[in-house]
């Protein structure tokens, strides 16, 4: 099998580098001369290591390296160290990285708008409803569509449900009027904000904290774990627990890279990944609950719980978004989605 190219590791801060050098000097010669991995997978993502995505990526690294006897190495680059929202997919297509885990919203930007089905507001009542899509035929059909862009979809995982934040409570449609709300590059999410009376502003995730702090945008939507780990509570005074939308990811690799691997290596990597994704799904709710507890303890953000009547008014306000998506994709996608949700 031909060698797979590697990317130099992300530079360490000087203090860590000096400590690493000092430690290496104490190691026996045999350990210091350990061979480099035959294959190195470069896994790039845009969120913190303490999030479900970050923890899943690190679990995947450990499993692959243990099971391959370090013959296969994994370099994980979190927090957009290599690539951000705007360029990670292109980097994957060009072979600059080997694995990314973009939010499902991002596939619309590369010619796969059907993934924006997941962005429909108030679509899922709970994560079991999500599973009826991601683990069923419709979810597999969506992943197979990635082949049109030279990609291979390896699986889905969760970051839970999204909440609204701003410098005021967002509990009724009238609360959104006139606000500039940061959104991902999703026509569905942008339409959702317009339906609520807000102005959507598309920004990379890595730019959101600064944009909120400087007043470029007034608010955003995120699972609580992202809100906490990105320190958005420092630049937003109010978090409204609307649970209005789902945020999930797909792990994707480059088709040429994947086909270049030996069948046994693909099996090992895929098995480790499925276990890591299962781990991420188990902890997504826990991480969001822990982040919410930390926010309450920090005490510098007001947390609001909409009433059932308020959620119903928000739901009614965004109903036109489904019709807009159906007109773009075709009614068949919406019908198949609704059929999948009613099963089980």
C-alpha atoms as a PDB file:
ATOM      1  CA  UNK A   1       0.000   0.000   0.000  1.00  0.00           C
ATOM      2  CA  UNK A   2       1.382   3.390  -0.894  1.00  0.00           C
ATOM      3  CA  UNK A   3       2.212   5.714   1.999  1.00  0.00           C
ATOM      4  CA  UNK A   4      -0.419   8.260   2.930  1.00  0.00           C
ATOM      5  CA  UNK A   5       0.765  11.852   3.219  1.00  0.00           C
ATOM      6  CA  UNK A   6       0.908  13.459   6.655  1.00  0.00           C
ATOM      7  CA  UNK A   7       0.471  17.028   7.814  1.00  0.00           C
ATOM      8  CA  UNK A   8       2.922  18.536  10.334  1.00  0.00           C
ATOM      9  CA  UNK A   9       1.427  18.721  13.825  1.00  0.00           C
ATOM     10  CA  UNK A  10       0.058  21.994  15.107  1.00  0.00           C
ATOM     11  CA  UNK A  11       2.888  23.976  16.781  1.00  0.00           C
ATOM     12  CA  UNK A  12       2.955  23.693  20.568  1.00  0.00           C
ATOM     13  CA  UNK A  13       3.284  26.736  22.812  1.00  0.00           C
ATOM     14  CA  UNK A  14       6.901  27.316  23.811  1.00  0.00           C
ATOM     15  CA  UNK A  15       6.444  26.142  27.403  1.00  0.00           C
ATOM     16  CA  UNK A  16       4.818  22.875  26.322  1.00  0.00           C
ATOM     17  CA  UNK A  17       7.499  22.381  23.703  1.00  0.00           C
ATOM     18  CA  UNK A  18      10.308  22.836  26.232  1.00  0.00           C
ATOM     19  CA  UNK A  19       8.613  20.439  28.651  1.00  0.00           C
ATOM     20  CA  UNK A  20       8.229  17.872  25.894  1.00  0.00           C
ATOM     21  CA  UNK A  21      11.903  18.173  24.996  1.00  0.00           C
ATOM     22  CA  UNK A  22      12.965  17.829  28.622  1.00  0.00           C
ATOM     23  CA  UNK A  23      10.796  14.738  29.014  1.00  0.00           C
ATOM     24  CA  UNK A  24      12.137  13.199  25.826  1.00  0.00           C
ATOM     25  CA  UNK A  25      15.695  13.528  27.118  1.00  0.00           C
ATOM     26  CA  UNK A  26      14.828  11.224  30.009  1.00  0.00           C
ATOM     27  CA  UNK A  27      13.368   8.470  27.826  1.00  0.00           C
ATOM     28  CA  UNK A  28      15.368   5.353  26.909  1.00  0.00           C
ATOM     29  CA  UNK A  29      16.837   5.481  23.430  1.00  0.00           C
ATOM     30  CA  UNK A  30      14.588   2.664  22.218  1.00  0.00           C
ATOM     31  CA  UNK A  31      11.425   4.568  23.154  1.00  0.00           C
ATOM     32  CA  UNK A  32      12.691   7.857  21.742  1.00  0.00           C
ATOM     33  CA  UNK A  33      13.260   6.111  18.409  1.00  0.00           C
ATOM     34  CA  UNK A  34       9.740   4.701  18.051  1.00  0.00           C
ATOM     35  CA  UNK A  35       8.801   4.477  14.380  1.00  0.00           C
ATOM     36  CA  UNK A  36       6.390   6.967  12.923  1.00  0.00           C
ATOM     37  CA  UNK A  37       2.904   5.727  11.969  1.00  0.00           C
ATOM     38  CA  UNK A  38       2.610   4.217   8.499  1.00  0.00           C
ATOM     39  CA  UNK A  39      -0.649   6.134   8.001  1.00  0.00           C
ATOM     40  CA  UNK A  40      -1.660   9.418   9.595  1.00  0.00           C
ATOM     41  CA  UNK A  41      -5.252  10.645   9.533  1.00  0.00           C
ATOM     42  CA  UNK A  42      -5.697  14.406   9.856  1.00  0.00           C
ATOM     43  CA  UNK A  43      -9.013  15.154  11.579  1.00  0.00           C
ATOM     44  CA  UNK A  44     -10.000  18.823  11.546  1.00  0.00           C
ATOM     45  CA  UNK A  45     -12.980  20.362  13.334  1.00  0.00           C
ATOM     46  CA  UNK A  46     -14.092  23.819  14.462  1.00  0.00           C
ATOM     47  CA  UNK A  47     -15.264  23.431  18.070  1.00  0.00           C
ATOM     48  CA  UNK A  48     -13.643  23.042  21.480  1.00  0.00           C
ATOM     49  CA  UNK A  49     -12.306  19.736  22.739  1.00  0.00           C
ATOM     50  CA  UNK A  50     -14.792  19.740  25.639  1.00  0.00           C
ATOM     51  CA  UNK A  51     -17.805  19.550  23.307  1.00  0.00           C
ATOM     52  CA  UNK A  52     -19.365  16.247  22.165  1.00  0.00           C
ATOM     53  CA  UNK A  53     -17.630  16.622  18.805  1.00  0.00           C
ATOM     54  CA  UNK A  54     -14.252  17.317  20.383  1.00  0.00           C
ATOM     55  CA  UNK A  55     -14.559  14.430  22.817  1.00  0.00           C
ATOM     56  CA  UNK A  56     -15.645  12.077  20.032  1.00  0.00           C
ATOM     57  CA  UNK A  57     -12.658  13.039  17.890  1.00  0.00           C
ATOM     58  CA  UNK A  58     -10.258  12.375  20.753  1.00  0.00           C
ATOM     59  CA  UNK A  59     -11.938   9.045  21.570  1.00  0.00           C
ATOM     60  CA  UNK A  60     -11.598   8.053  17.897  1.00  0.00           C
ATOM     61  CA  UNK A  61      -7.876   8.880  17.992  1.00  0.00           C
ATOM     62  CA  UNK A  62      -7.297   6.695  21.040  1.00  0.00           C
ATOM     63  CA  UNK A  63      -9.237   3.742  19.622  1.00  0.00           C
ATOM     64  CA  UNK A  64      -7.534   3.809  16.217  1.00  0.00           C
ATOM     65  CA  UNK A  65      -4.030   4.096  17.627  1.00  0.00           C
ATOM     66  CA  UNK A  66      -4.592   1.371  20.229  1.00  0.00           C
ATOM     67  CA  UNK A  67      -6.152  -1.111  17.834  1.00  0.00           C
ATOM     68  CA  UNK A  68      -3.604  -0.571  15.091  1.00  0.00           C
ATOM     69  CA  UNK A  69      -0.666  -0.796  17.498  1.00  0.00           C
ATOM     70  CA  UNK A  70       0.155   2.833  16.560  1.00  0.00           C
ATOM     71  CA  UNK A  71       0.602   1.809  12.916  1.00  0.00           C
ATOM     72  CA  UNK A  72      -2.228   4.250  12.141  1.00  0.00           C
ATOM     73  CA  UNK A  73      -1.969   7.648  13.810  1.00  0.00           C
ATOM     74  CA  UNK A  74      -4.616  10.349  14.152  1.00  0.00           C
ATOM     75  CA  UNK A  75      -3.851  14.052  14.426  1.00  0.00           C
ATOM     76  CA  UNK A  76      -6.835  16.011  15.764  1.00  0.00           C
ATOM     77  CA  UNK A  77      -6.973  19.753  15.086  1.00  0.00           C
ATOM     78  CA  UNK A  78      -9.807  21.346  17.128  1.00  0.00           C
ATOM     79  CA  UNK A  79     -11.135  24.904  17.288  1.00  0.00           C
ATOM     80  CA  UNK A  80     -10.534  25.639  13.614  1.00  0.00           C
ATOM     81  CA  UNK A  81      -6.739  25.424  14.041  1.00  0.00           C
ATOM     82  CA  UNK A  82      -6.355  24.322  10.418  1.00  0.00           C
ATOM     83  CA  UNK A  83      -9.619  25.209   8.693  1.00  0.00           C
ATOM     84  CA  UNK A  84     -12.844  26.924   9.664  1.00  0.00           C
ATOM     85  CA  UNK A  85     -16.491  26.784   8.653  1.00  0.00           C
ATOM     86  CA  UNK A  86     -15.873  28.474   5.331  1.00  0.00           C
ATOM     87  CA  UNK A  87     -13.074  26.267   4.015  1.00  0.00           C
ATOM     88  CA  UNK A  88     -12.977  22.891   5.798  1.00  0.00           C
ATOM     89  CA  UNK A  89     -15.112  21.165   3.154  1.00  0.00           C
ATOM     90  CA  UNK A  90     -12.968  22.483   0.322  1.00  0.00           C
ATOM     91  CA  UNK A  91      -9.846  21.398   2.224  1.00  0.00           C
ATOM     92  CA  UNK A  92     -11.271  17.883   2.470  1.00  0.00           C
ATOM     93  CA  UNK A  93     -12.148  17.759  -1.220  1.00  0.00           C
ATOM     94  CA  UNK A  94      -8.615  18.881  -2.075  1.00  0.00           C
ATOM     95  CA  UNK A  95      -7.029  16.294   0.214  1.00  0.00           C
ATOM     96  CA  UNK A  96      -5.530  18.847   2.640  1.00  0.00           C
ATOM     97  CA  UNK A  97      -7.210  16.963   5.510  1.00  0.00           C
ATOM     98  CA  UNK A  98      -8.616  13.452   5.729  1.00  0.00           C
ATOM     99  CA  UNK A  99     -11.622  13.731   8.059  1.00  0.00           C
ATOM    100  CA  UNK A 100     -13.968  16.547   8.976  1.00  0.00           C
ATOM    101  CA  UNK A 101     -17.183  16.577  11.001  1.00  0.00           C
ATOM    102  CA  UNK A 102     -19.226  19.504   9.654  1.00  0.00           C
ATOM    103  CA  UNK A 103     -22.684  20.376  10.847  1.00  0.00           C
ATOM    104  CA  UNK A 104     -25.336  19.031   8.509  1.00  0.00           C
ATOM    105  CA  UNK A 105     -26.196  22.589   7.474  1.00  0.00           C
ATOM    106  CA  UNK A 106     -22.894  22.952   5.632  1.00  0.00           C
ATOM    107  CA  UNK A 107     -23.630  20.395   2.929  1.00  0.00           C
ATOM    108  CA  UNK A 108     -26.092  22.688   1.208  1.00  0.00           C
ATOM    109  CA  UNK A 109     -23.219  24.999   0.352  1.00  0.00           C
ATOM    110  CA  UNK A 110     -21.473  22.277  -1.701  1.00  0.00           C
ATOM    111  CA  UNK A 111     -24.511  21.319  -3.746  1.00  0.00           C
ATOM    112  CA  UNK A 112     -26.343  18.991  -1.329  1.00  0.00           C
ATOM    113  CA  UNK A 113     -29.272  21.105  -0.065  1.00  0.00           C
ATOM    114  CA  UNK A 114     -31.244  18.021   0.961  1.00  0.00           C
ATOM    115  CA  UNK A 115     -29.181  17.915   4.173  1.00  0.00           C
ATOM    116  CA  UNK A 116     -30.955  21.110   5.200  1.00  0.00           C
ATOM    117  CA  UNK A 117     -33.932  18.931   6.078  1.00  0.00           C
ATOM    118  CA  UNK A 118     -32.270  18.641   9.491  1.00  0.00           C
ATOM    119  CA  UNK A 119     -32.414  22.426   9.896  1.00  0.00           C
ATOM    120  CA  UNK A 120     -36.207  22.655   9.774  1.00  0.00           C
ATOM    121  CA  UNK A 121     -37.351  24.330  12.995  1.00  0.00           C
ATOM    122  CA  UNK A 122     -39.442  22.325  15.475  1.00  0.00           C
ATOM    123  CA  UNK A 123     -39.017  19.212  13.325  1.00  0.00           C
ATOM    124  CA  UNK A 124     -37.851  16.775  16.012  1.00  0.00           C
ATOM    125  CA  UNK A 125     -39.544  16.304  19.361  1.00  0.00           C
ATOM    126  CA  UNK A 126     -36.594  14.391  20.806  1.00  0.00           C
ATOM    127  CA  UNK A 127     -33.437  12.513  19.858  1.00  0.00           C
ATOM    128  CA  UNK A 128     -35.316   9.267  19.241  1.00  0.00           C
ATOM    129  CA  UNK A 129     -37.058  11.058  16.369  1.00  0.00           C
ATOM    130  CA  UNK A 130     -33.646  12.110  15.044  1.00  0.00           C
ATOM    131  CA  UNK A 131     -32.534   8.459  15.116  1.00  0.00           C
ATOM    132  CA  UNK A 132     -35.435   7.433  12.901  1.00  0.00           C
ATOM    133  CA  UNK A 133     -33.819   9.567  10.223  1.00  0.00           C
ATOM    134  CA  UNK A 134     -30.081   9.110  10.801  1.00  0.00           C
ATOM    135  CA  UNK A 135     -30.266   5.335  11.361  1.00  0.00           C
ATOM    136  CA  UNK A 136     -32.893   4.690   8.708  1.00  0.00           C
ATOM    137  CA  UNK A 137     -32.997   4.504   4.914  1.00  0.00           C
ATOM    138  CA  UNK A 138     -33.415   8.272   4.480  1.00  0.00           C
ATOM    139  CA  UNK A 139     -30.264   9.000   6.446  1.00  0.00           C
ATOM    140  CA  UNK A 140     -28.290   6.473   4.401  1.00  0.00           C
ATOM    141  CA  UNK A 141     -29.666   7.929   1.179  1.00  0.00           C
ATOM    142  CA  UNK A 142     -28.414  11.344   2.235  1.00  0.00           C
ATOM    143  CA  UNK A 143     -24.930   9.989   2.974  1.00  0.00           C
ATOM    144  CA  UNK A 144     -24.809   8.194  -0.373  1.00  0.00           C
ATOM    145  CA  UNK A 145     -25.457  11.517  -2.084  1.00  0.00           C
ATOM    146  CA  UNK A 146     -22.081  12.745  -0.857  1.00  0.00           C
ATOM    147  CA  UNK A 147     -20.452  10.643  -3.563  1.00  0.00           C
ATOM    148  CA  UNK A 148     -21.541  13.305  -6.055  1.00  0.00           C
ATOM    149  CA  UNK A 149     -18.948  15.586  -4.479  1.00  0.00           C
ATOM    150  CA  UNK A 150     -16.185  12.996  -4.166  1.00  0.00           C
ATOM    151  CA  UNK A 151     -16.875  12.382  -0.478  1.00  0.00           C
ATOM    152  CA  UNK A 152     -17.741   9.405   1.708  1.00  0.00           C
ATOM    153  CA  UNK A 153     -20.133   9.806   4.637  1.00  0.00           C
ATOM    154  CA  UNK A 154     -19.152   7.592   7.562  1.00  0.00           C
ATOM    155  CA  UNK A 155     -21.860   8.394  10.087  1.00  0.00           C
ATOM    156  CA  UNK A 156     -23.903  10.902  12.061  1.00  0.00           C
ATOM    157  CA  UNK A 157     -23.769  12.141  15.631  1.00  0.00           C
ATOM    158  CA  UNK A 158     -25.479  14.720  17.839  1.00  0.00           C
ATOM    159  CA  UNK A 159     -24.807  17.942  19.614  1.00  0.00           C
ATOM    160  CA  UNK A 160     -28.367  18.154  20.845  1.00  0.00           C
ATOM    161  CA  UNK A 161     -30.934  20.896  20.454  1.00  0.00           C
ATOM    162  CA  UNK A 162     -30.351  24.585  19.830  1.00  0.00           C
ATOM    163  CA  UNK A 163     -31.275  27.503  22.046  1.00  0.00           C
ATOM    164  CA  UNK A 164     -31.602  31.209  21.229  1.00  0.00           C
ATOM    165  CA  UNK A 165     -29.392  33.884  22.767  1.00  0.00           C
ATOM    166  CA  UNK A 166     -29.273  37.678  22.650  1.00  0.00           C
ATOM    167  CA  UNK A 167     -29.141  40.588  25.070  1.00  0.00           C
ATOM    168  CA  UNK A 168     -32.823  40.159  25.791  1.00  0.00           C
ATOM    169  CA  UNK A 169     -35.175  37.182  26.173  1.00  0.00           C
ATOM    170  CA  UNK A 170     -36.291  35.557  22.897  1.00  0.00           C
ATOM    171  CA  UNK A 171     -39.581  33.919  23.835  1.00  0.00           C
ATOM    172  CA  UNK A 172     -42.083  35.337  21.339  1.00  0.00           C
ATOM    173  CA  UNK A 173     -41.833  36.148  17.614  1.00  0.00           C
ATOM    174  CA  UNK A 174     -42.008  39.874  18.442  1.00  0.00           C
ATOM    175  CA  UNK A 175     -38.812  39.551  20.504  1.00  0.00           C
ATOM    176  CA  UNK A 176     -36.795  38.810  17.340  1.00  0.00           C
ATOM    177  CA  UNK A 177     -37.958  41.792  15.309  1.00  0.00           C
ATOM    178  CA  UNK A 178     -35.042  43.895  14.097  1.00  0.00           C
ATOM    179  CA  UNK A 179     -32.285  41.687  15.561  1.00  0.00           C
ATOM    180  CA  UNK A 180     -29.262  40.643  13.511  1.00  0.00           C
ATOM    181  CA  UNK A 181     -28.900  36.924  14.226  1.00  0.00           C
ATOM    182  CA  UNK A 182     -25.776  34.963  13.345  1.00  0.00           C
ATOM    183  CA  UNK A 183     -26.575  31.812  11.349  1.00  0.00           C
ATOM    184  CA  UNK A 184     -24.713  29.025   9.616  1.00  0.00           C
ATOM    185  CA  UNK A 185     -24.677  28.974   5.832  1.00  0.00           C
ATOM    186  CA  UNK A 186     -28.118  27.359   5.591  1.00  0.00           C
ATOM    187  CA  UNK A 187     -30.994  28.780   3.599  1.00  0.00           C
ATOM    188  CA  UNK A 188     -33.402  27.041   5.971  1.00  0.00           C
ATOM    189  CA  UNK A 189     -31.945  28.648   9.092  1.00  0.00           C
ATOM    190  CA  UNK A 190     -31.827  32.024   7.360  1.00  0.00           C
ATOM    191  CA  UNK A 191     -35.502  31.625   6.385  1.00  0.00           C
ATOM    192  CA  UNK A 192     -36.305  30.684   9.995  1.00  0.00           C
ATOM    193  CA  UNK A 193     -34.807  33.940  11.277  1.00  0.00           C
ATOM    194  CA  UNK A 194     -36.608  36.014   8.654  1.00  0.00           C
ATOM    195  CA  UNK A 195     -39.906  34.311   9.547  1.00  0.00           C
ATOM    196  CA  UNK A 196     -39.348  35.443  13.142  1.00  0.00           C
ATOM    197  CA  UNK A 197     -38.685  39.019  12.050  1.00  0.00           C
ATOM    198  CA  UNK A 198     -34.905  38.962  12.461  1.00  0.00           C
ATOM    199  CA  UNK A 199     -32.168  39.599   9.918  1.00  0.00           C
ATOM    200  CA  UNK A 200     -29.909  36.543   9.366  1.00  0.00           C
ATOM    201  CA  UNK A 201     -26.168  37.193   9.108  1.00  0.00           C
ATOM    202  CA  UNK A 202     -24.011  34.279   7.923  1.00  0.00           C
ATOM    203  CA  UNK A 203     -20.752  34.054   9.874  1.00  0.00           C
ATOM    204  CA  UNK A 204     -18.183  31.346  10.562  1.00  0.00           C
ATOM    205  CA  UNK A 205     -18.493  29.753  13.985  1.00  0.00           C
ATOM    206  CA  UNK A 206     -14.981  30.929  14.912  1.00  0.00           C
ATOM    207  CA  UNK A 207     -15.997  34.546  14.256  1.00  0.00           C
ATOM    208  CA  UNK A 208     -19.204  34.474  16.268  1.00  0.00           C
ATOM    209  CA  UNK A 209     -17.899  35.412  19.712  1.00  0.00           C
ATOM    210  CA  UNK A 210     -16.102  38.494  18.409  1.00  0.00           C
ATOM    211  CA  UNK A 211     -19.086  39.492  16.273  1.00  0.00           C
ATOM    212  CA  UNK A 212     -21.402  39.270  19.277  1.00  0.00           C
ATOM    213  CA  UNK A 213     -19.010  41.254  21.452  1.00  0.00           C
ATOM    214  CA  UNK A 214     -18.510  44.013  18.895  1.00  0.00           C
ATOM    215  CA  UNK A 215     -22.200  44.327  18.016  1.00  0.00           C
ATOM    216  CA  UNK A 216     -21.838  43.086  14.433  1.00  0.00           C
ATOM    217  CA  UNK A 217     -24.648  40.682  15.333  1.00  0.00           C
ATOM    218  CA  UNK A 218     -27.108  40.790  18.229  1.00  0.00           C
ATOM    219  CA  UNK A 219     -27.704  37.115  18.881  1.00  0.00           C
ATOM    220  CA  UNK A 220     -27.356  33.549  17.676  1.00  0.00           C
ATOM    221  CA  UNK A 221     -28.534  29.955  18.155  1.00  0.00           C
ATOM    222  CA  UNK A 222     -26.482  27.107  19.600  1.00  0.00           C
ATOM    223  CA  UNK A 223     -26.615  24.068  21.838  1.00  0.00           C
ATOM    224  CA  UNK A 224     -25.684  25.075  25.370  1.00  0.00           C
ATOM    225  CA  UNK A 225     -22.347  23.212  25.203  1.00  0.00           C
ATOM    226  CA  UNK A 226     -21.201  25.423  22.301  1.00  0.00           C
ATOM    227  CA  UNK A 227     -22.534  28.552  24.024  1.00  0.00           C
ATOM    228  CA  UNK A 228     -20.516  27.730  27.153  1.00  0.00           C
ATOM    229  CA  UNK A 229     -17.250  26.475  25.635  1.00  0.00           C
ATOM    230  CA  UNK A 230     -17.049  29.459  23.266  1.00  0.00           C
ATOM    231  CA  UNK A 231     -17.574  31.898  26.177  1.00  0.00           C
ATOM    232  CA  UNK A 232     -20.630  33.418  24.558  1.00  0.00           C
ATOM    233  CA  UNK A 233     -21.997  34.089  28.042  1.00  0.00           C
ATOM    234  CA  UNK A 234     -19.379  36.836  28.252  1.00  0.00           C
ATOM    235  CA  UNK A 235     -21.002  38.711  25.351  1.00  0.00           C
ATOM    236  CA  UNK A 236     -24.678  37.686  25.668  1.00  0.00           C
ATOM    237  CA  UNK A 237     -26.870  38.439  28.669  1.00  0.00           C
ATOM    238  CA  UNK A 238     -29.840  36.156  27.928  1.00  0.00           C
ATOM    239  CA  UNK A 239     -30.227  32.520  26.919  1.00  0.00           C
ATOM    240  CA  UNK A 240     -33.709  31.263  25.991  1.00  0.00           C
ATOM    241  CA  UNK A 241     -34.179  27.478  26.106  1.00  0.00           C
ATOM    242  CA  UNK A 242     -36.335  27.189  23.013  1.00  0.00           C
ATOM    243  CA  UNK A 243     -35.173  23.718  21.848  1.00  0.00           C
ATOM    244  CA  UNK A 244     -36.336  24.864  18.438  1.00  0.00           C
ATOM    245  CA  UNK A 245     -33.846  23.047  16.233  1.00  0.00           C
ATOM    246  CA  UNK A 246     -31.450  20.133  16.075  1.00  0.00           C
ATOM    247  CA  UNK A 247     -27.704  20.394  15.563  1.00  0.00           C
ATOM    248  CA  UNK A 248     -26.018  17.271  14.257  1.00  0.00           C
ATOM    249  CA  UNK A 249     -22.879  16.396  12.353  1.00  0.00           C
ATOM    250  CA  UNK A 250     -21.690  13.935   9.749  1.00  0.00           C
ATOM    251  CA  UNK A 251     -18.150  12.577   9.690  1.00  0.00           C
ATOM    252  CA  UNK A 252     -16.899  12.734   6.124  1.00  0.00           C
ATOM    253  CA  UNK A 253     -13.740  11.655   4.345  1.00  0.00           C
ATOM    254  CA  UNK A 254     -12.276  12.132   0.897  1.00  0.00           C
ATOM    255  CA  UNK A 255     -13.335   9.379  -1.510  1.00  0.00           C
ATOM    256  CA  UNK A 256      -9.875   9.026  -3.086  1.00  0.00           C
ATOM    257  CA  UNK A 257      -8.213   8.812   0.310  1.00  0.00           C
ATOM    258  CA  UNK A 258     -10.723   6.246   1.586  1.00  0.00           C
ATOM    259  CA  UNK A 259     -10.401   4.006  -1.462  1.00  0.00           C
ATOM    260  CA  UNK A 260      -6.610   4.182  -1.199  1.00  0.00           C
ATOM    261  CA  UNK A 261      -6.685   2.520   2.231  1.00  0.00           C
ATOM    262  CA  UNK A 262      -6.504  -1.263   2.571  1.00  0.00           C
ATOM    263  CA  UNK A 263      -9.859  -2.914   3.247  1.00  0.00           C
ATOM    264  CA  UNK A 264      -8.727  -4.058   6.707  1.00  0.00           C
ATOM    265  CA  UNK A 265      -7.661  -0.517   7.617  1.00  0.00           C
ATOM    266  CA  UNK A 266     -10.996   0.884   6.452  1.00  0.00           C
ATOM    267  CA  UNK A 267     -12.759  -1.661   8.651  1.00  0.00           C
ATOM    268  CA  UNK A 268     -10.627  -0.809  11.694  1.00  0.00           C
ATOM    269  CA  UNK A 269     -11.093   2.942  11.223  1.00  0.00           C
ATOM    270  CA  UNK A 270     -14.820   2.625  10.610  1.00  0.00           C
ATOM    271  CA  UNK A 271     -15.371   0.432  13.675  1.00  0.00           C
ATOM    272  CA  UNK A 272     -13.453   2.861  15.888  1.00  0.00           C
ATOM    273  CA  UNK A 273     -15.419   5.744  14.453  1.00  0.00           C
ATOM    274  CA  UNK A 274     -18.799   4.120  15.043  1.00  0.00           C
ATOM    275  CA  UNK A 275     -17.848   3.534  18.679  1.00  0.00           C
ATOM    276  CA  UNK A 276     -16.689   7.149  19.029  1.00  0.00           C
ATOM    277  CA  UNK A 277     -19.927   8.419  17.499  1.00  0.00           C
ATOM    278  CA  UNK A 278     -21.949   6.238  19.862  1.00  0.00           C
ATOM    279  CA  UNK A 279     -19.959   7.724  22.732  1.00  0.00           C
ATOM    280  CA  UNK A 280     -20.691  11.261  21.482  1.00  0.00           C
ATOM    281  CA  UNK A 281     -24.400  10.524  21.265  1.00  0.00           C
ATOM    282  CA  UNK A 282     -24.397   9.216  24.839  1.00  0.00           C
ATOM    283  CA  UNK A 283     -22.731  12.318  26.246  1.00  0.00           C
ATOM    284  CA  UNK A 284     -24.413  15.031  24.153  1.00  0.00           C
ATOM    285  CA  UNK A 285     -27.251  15.534  26.630  1.00  0.00           C
ATOM    286  CA  UNK A 286     -24.880  15.258  29.586  1.00  0.00           C
ATOM    287  CA  UNK A 287     -22.524  17.874  28.150  1.00  0.00           C
ATOM    288  CA  UNK A 288     -25.357  20.295  27.485  1.00  0.00           C
ATOM    289  CA  UNK A 289     -26.750  19.778  30.991  1.00  0.00           C
ATOM    290  CA  UNK A 290     -23.301  20.305  32.524  1.00  0.00           C
ATOM    291  CA  UNK A 291     -22.800  23.452  30.468  1.00  0.00           C
ATOM    292  CA  UNK A 292     -26.172  24.804  31.577  1.00  0.00           C
ATOM    293  CA  UNK A 293     -25.273  24.149  35.221  1.00  0.00           C
ATOM    294  CA  UNK A 294     -21.953  25.943  34.708  1.00  0.00           C
ATOM    295  CA  UNK A 295     -23.739  28.908  33.133  1.00  0.00           C
ATOM    296  CA  UNK A 296     -26.116  29.150  36.069  1.00  0.00           C
ATOM    297  CA  UNK A 297     -23.209  29.002  38.488  1.00  0.00           C
ATOM    298  CA  UNK A 298     -21.275  31.675  36.576  1.00  0.00           C
ATOM    299  CA  UNK A 299     -24.271  33.918  37.141  1.00  0.00           C
ATOM    300  CA  UNK A 300     -23.710  36.416  34.350  1.00  0.00           C
ATOM    301  CA  UNK A 301     -26.421  35.200  31.968  1.00  0.00           C
ATOM    302  CA  UNK A 302     -30.178  35.059  32.510  1.00  0.00           C
ATOM    303  CA  UNK A 303     -31.736  31.723  31.524  1.00  0.00           C
ATOM    304  CA  UNK A 304     -35.340  31.755  30.297  1.00  0.00           C
ATOM    305  CA  UNK A 305     -37.808  28.890  29.846  1.00  0.00           C
ATOM    306  CA  UNK A 306     -40.556  29.587  27.293  1.00  0.00           C
ATOM    307  CA  UNK A 307     -44.008  28.358  28.213  1.00  0.00           C
ATOM    308  CA  UNK A 308     -45.738  25.754  26.011  1.00  0.00           C
ATOM    309  CA  UNK A 309     -47.905  28.580  24.622  1.00  0.00           C
ATOM    310  CA  UNK A 310     -44.846  30.651  23.722  1.00  0.00           C
ATOM    311  CA  UNK A 311     -43.200  27.701  21.969  1.00  0.00           C
ATOM    312  CA  UNK A 312     -46.398  27.123  20.031  1.00  0.00           C
ATOM    313  CA  UNK A 313     -46.406  30.735  18.842  1.00  0.00           C
ATOM    314  CA  UNK A 314     -42.775  30.385  17.739  1.00  0.00           C
ATOM    315  CA  UNK A 315     -43.655  27.166  15.944  1.00  0.00           C
ATOM    316  CA  UNK A 316     -46.537  28.788  14.065  1.00  0.00           C
ATOM    317  CA  UNK A 317     -44.347  31.718  13.029  1.00  0.00           C
ATOM    318  CA  UNK A 318     -41.811  29.478  11.285  1.00  0.00           C
ATOM    319  CA  UNK A 319     -44.263  27.115   9.559  1.00  0.00           C
ATOM    320  CA  UNK A 320     -43.708  28.769   6.127  1.00  0.00           C
ATOM    321  CA  UNK A 321     -40.075  27.598   6.177  1.00  0.00           C
ATOM    322  CA  UNK A 322     -41.112  24.010   5.407  1.00  0.00           C
ATOM    323  CA  UNK A 323     -43.021  25.109   2.309  1.00  0.00           C
ATOM    324  CA  UNK A 324     -40.010  27.105   1.152  1.00  0.00           C
ATOM    325  CA  UNK A 325     -37.716  24.105   1.494  1.00  0.00           C
ATOM    326  CA  UNK A 326     -40.184  21.844  -0.314  1.00  0.00           C
ATOM    327  CA  UNK A 327     -40.237  24.240  -3.249  1.00  0.00           C
ATOM    328  CA  UNK A 328     -36.421  24.083  -3.461  1.00  0.00           C
ATOM    329  CA  UNK A 329     -35.942  20.341  -2.982  1.00  0.00           C
ATOM    330  CA  UNK A 330     -39.202  18.940  -4.243  1.00  0.00           C
ATOM    331  CA  UNK A 331     -42.141  17.766  -2.157  1.00  0.00           C
ATOM    332  CA  UNK A 332     -40.890  14.147  -2.263  1.00  0.00           C
ATOM    333  CA  UNK A 333     -38.091  14.868   0.232  1.00  0.00           C
ATOM    334  CA  UNK A 334     -40.555  16.387   2.705  1.00  0.00           C
ATOM    335  CA  UNK A 335     -42.966  13.488   2.283  1.00  0.00           C
ATOM    336  CA  UNK A 336     -40.204  10.926   2.820  1.00  0.00           C
ATOM    337  CA  UNK A 337     -39.044  12.813   5.900  1.00  0.00           C
ATOM    338  CA  UNK A 338     -42.525  12.912   7.405  1.00  0.00           C
ATOM    339  CA  UNK A 339     -43.054   9.227   6.627  1.00  0.00           C
ATOM    340  CA  UNK A 340     -39.796   8.308   8.376  1.00  0.00           C
ATOM    341  CA  UNK A 341     -40.737  10.360  11.431  1.00  0.00           C
ATOM    342  CA  UNK A 342     -44.116   8.669  11.811  1.00  0.00           C
ATOM    343  CA  UNK A 343     -42.583   5.177  11.839  1.00  0.00           C
ATOM    344  CA  UNK A 344     -41.641   3.502  15.073  1.00  0.00           C
END
